[in-house]
Amino acid sequence: MIGRLNHVAIAVPDLAAAAAQYREMLGAEVGAPQDEPDHGVTVVFITLPNTKVELLYPLGEASPIRGFLDKNPAGGIHHICYEVEDILAARDRLVEKGARILGTGEPKTGAHGKPVLFLHPKDFNGTLIELEQV
């Protein structure tokens, strides 16, 4: 059902410093910051030959990333994202097998302009998983 790894998301306490670190220390291709108000984050994508890294920073007081950074002030891995061909079929199969979908269970538009869903980390070994339709 799942396809390739789309990205690994890292919550960071200072978006500009984290982006500079990837650009200057690691020589990575670093995108421009983009606000994602529906998800309460500002993101920067780091493009790698085989996947991406998504740097996450809180956008607004209600951002879920703010709570994550309160618990992890230095930042850390927040979630991993896998691609799926059909997000609704994937959702229905997962629910049938007992997995919990976060939010309403309906896909939202993600940072790449494609439908996404998040799966409860307690159902996946403590890992928050995002599914993105290709």
Protein backbone atom coordinates (compact mmCIF):
# COMPACT_ATOMS: atom_id res chain seq x y z
CA MET A 1 0.00 0.00 0.00
CA ILE A 2 2.65 2.58 0.96
CA GLY A 3 5.04 3.85 -1.63
CA ARG A 4 8.28 5.70 -1.30
CA LEU A 5 9.39 7.83 1.62
CA ASN A 6 8.33 11.37 0.77
CA HIS A 7 9.99 13.21 3.67
CA VAL A 8 11.12 13.20 7.26
CA ALA A 9 9.81 16.20 9.24
CA ILE A 10 11.92 17.82 11.94
CA ALA A 11 10.48 20.42 14.34
CA VAL A 12 13.00 23.21 14.94
CA PRO A 13 13.14 26.06 17.47
CA ASP A 14 14.77 28.47 14.97
CA LEU A 15 13.77 27.98 11.33
CA ALA A 16 16.32 30.38 9.81
CA ALA A 17 19.20 28.84 11.79
CA ALA A 18 18.16 25.29 10.90
CA ALA A 19 17.83 26.16 7.20
CA ALA A 20 21.24 27.86 7.25
CA GLN A 21 22.78 24.82 8.93
CA TYR A 22 21.53 22.50 6.17
CA ARG A 23 22.59 24.96 3.44
CA GLU A 24 25.99 26.03 4.81
CA MET A 25 27.20 23.03 6.79
CA LEU A 26 25.71 20.18 4.77
CA GLY A 27 25.61 21.86 1.35
CA ALA A 28 21.94 20.99 0.84
CA GLU A 29 19.45 22.56 -1.52
CA VAL A 30 17.17 24.56 0.80
CA GLY A 31 13.78 25.92 -0.28
CA ALA A 32 12.11 29.13 0.83
CA PRO A 33 9.91 29.19 3.94
CA GLN A 34 6.22 28.67 3.23
CA ASP A 35 3.38 29.22 5.66
CA GLU A 36 0.79 26.45 5.95
CA PRO A 37 -2.01 28.05 8.02
CA ASP A 38 -4.29 24.97 7.79
CA HIS A 39 -1.61 22.97 9.63
CA GLY A 40 -0.30 25.75 11.89
CA VAL A 41 3.26 25.56 10.60
CA THR A 42 5.87 27.30 8.52
CA VAL A 43 7.90 24.78 6.52
CA VAL A 44 11.18 24.72 4.67
CA PHE A 45 11.96 21.75 2.43
CA ILE A 46 15.48 20.41 2.04
CA THR A 47 15.79 18.51 -1.25
CA LEU A 48 17.95 15.39 -1.22
CA PRO A 49 18.64 13.02 -4.14
CA ASN A 50 16.25 10.35 -2.82
CA THR A 51 13.78 12.21 -0.54
CA LYS A 52 13.22 15.46 1.36
CA VAL A 53 13.62 16.79 4.88
CA GLU A 54 10.86 19.12 6.06
CA LEU A 55 11.79 21.66 8.73
CA LEU A 56 8.73 22.64 10.80
CA TYR A 57 8.27 25.81 12.83
CA PRO A 58 5.13 26.94 14.70
CA LEU A 59 2.78 29.33 12.89
CA GLY A 60 0.49 30.93 15.46
CA GLU A 61 -0.23 30.19 19.10
CA ALA A 62 -2.40 27.13 18.38
CA SER A 63 0.29 25.36 16.34
CA PRO A 64 0.72 21.66 17.21
CA ILE A 65 4.46 22.20 16.71
CA ARG A 66 4.53 24.68 19.60
CA GLY A 67 3.48 21.91 22.01
CA PHE A 68 6.07 19.54 20.51
CA LEU A 69 8.82 22.14 20.99
CA ASP A 70 7.65 22.83 24.56
CA LYS A 71 8.34 19.15 25.30
CA ASN A 72 11.45 19.03 23.08
CA PRO A 73 13.07 22.50 23.22
CA ALA A 74 16.00 21.51 21.00
CA GLY A 75 13.60 20.16 18.35
CA GLY A 76 13.53 16.68 16.90
CA ILE A 77 11.94 14.31 14.42
CA HIS A 78 8.20 15.02 14.35
CA HIS A 79 6.86 12.64 11.67
CA ILE A 80 7.64 10.64 8.57
CA CYS A 81 5.62 10.84 5.36
CA TYR A 82 4.92 8.00 2.94
CA GLU A 83 3.33 8.27 -0.46
CA VAL A 84 0.14 6.40 -1.36
CA GLU A 85 -1.62 6.07 -4.71
CA ASP A 86 -5.15 6.58 -3.38
CA ILE A 87 -5.44 8.27 0.01
CA LEU A 88 -9.12 7.42 0.53
CA ALA A 89 -8.55 3.73 -0.23
CA ALA A 90 -5.53 3.76 2.10
CA ARG A 91 -7.58 5.44 4.84
CA ASP A 92 -10.43 2.96 4.51
CA ARG A 93 -8.05 -0.02 4.59
CA LEU A 94 -6.25 1.33 7.67
CA VAL A 95 -9.49 2.05 9.54
CA GLU A 96 -10.77 -1.44 8.68
CA LYS A 97 -7.60 -2.86 10.25
CA GLY A 98 -8.04 -0.76 13.42
CA ALA A 99 -5.74 2.21 12.80
CA ARG A 100 -6.81 5.65 13.99
CA ILE A 101 -6.77 8.63 11.65
CA LEU A 102 -6.12 11.97 13.34
CA GLY A 103 -8.52 14.89 12.93
CA THR A 104 -11.80 14.34 11.11
CA GLY A 105 -10.49 11.46 9.02
CA GLU A 106 -10.90 13.54 5.88
CA PRO A 107 -7.75 14.49 3.94
CA LYS A 108 -6.42 18.04 4.13
CA THR A 109 -4.26 19.74 1.54
CA GLY A 110 -0.60 19.41 2.52
CA ALA A 111 2.45 21.56 1.84
CA HIS A 112 2.88 20.02 -1.64
CA GLY A 113 -0.72 20.84 -2.57
CA LYS A 114 -1.73 17.17 -2.35
CA PRO A 115 -4.17 15.38 0.01
CA VAL A 116 -2.65 14.22 3.31
CA LEU A 117 -3.75 12.31 6.42
CA PHE A 118 -1.99 11.64 9.72
CA LEU A 119 -2.07 8.31 11.56
CA HIS A 120 -2.08 8.08 15.34
CA PRO A 121 1.45 7.42 16.65
CA LYS A 122 0.21 4.94 19.26
CA ASP A 123 -0.85 2.67 16.39
CA PHE A 124 2.61 2.81 14.73
CA ASN A 125 5.26 2.21 17.38
CA GLY A 126 5.22 5.77 18.67
CA THR A 127 5.75 7.31 15.23
CA LEU A 128 3.45 9.95 13.77
CA ILE A 129 2.91 8.97 10.13
CA GLU A 130 1.68 11.23 7.36
CA LEU A 131 0.29 9.77 4.17
CA GLU A 132 0.40 11.87 1.01
CA GLN A 133 -1.38 11.00 -2.20
CA VAL A 134 0.92 11.03 -5.23
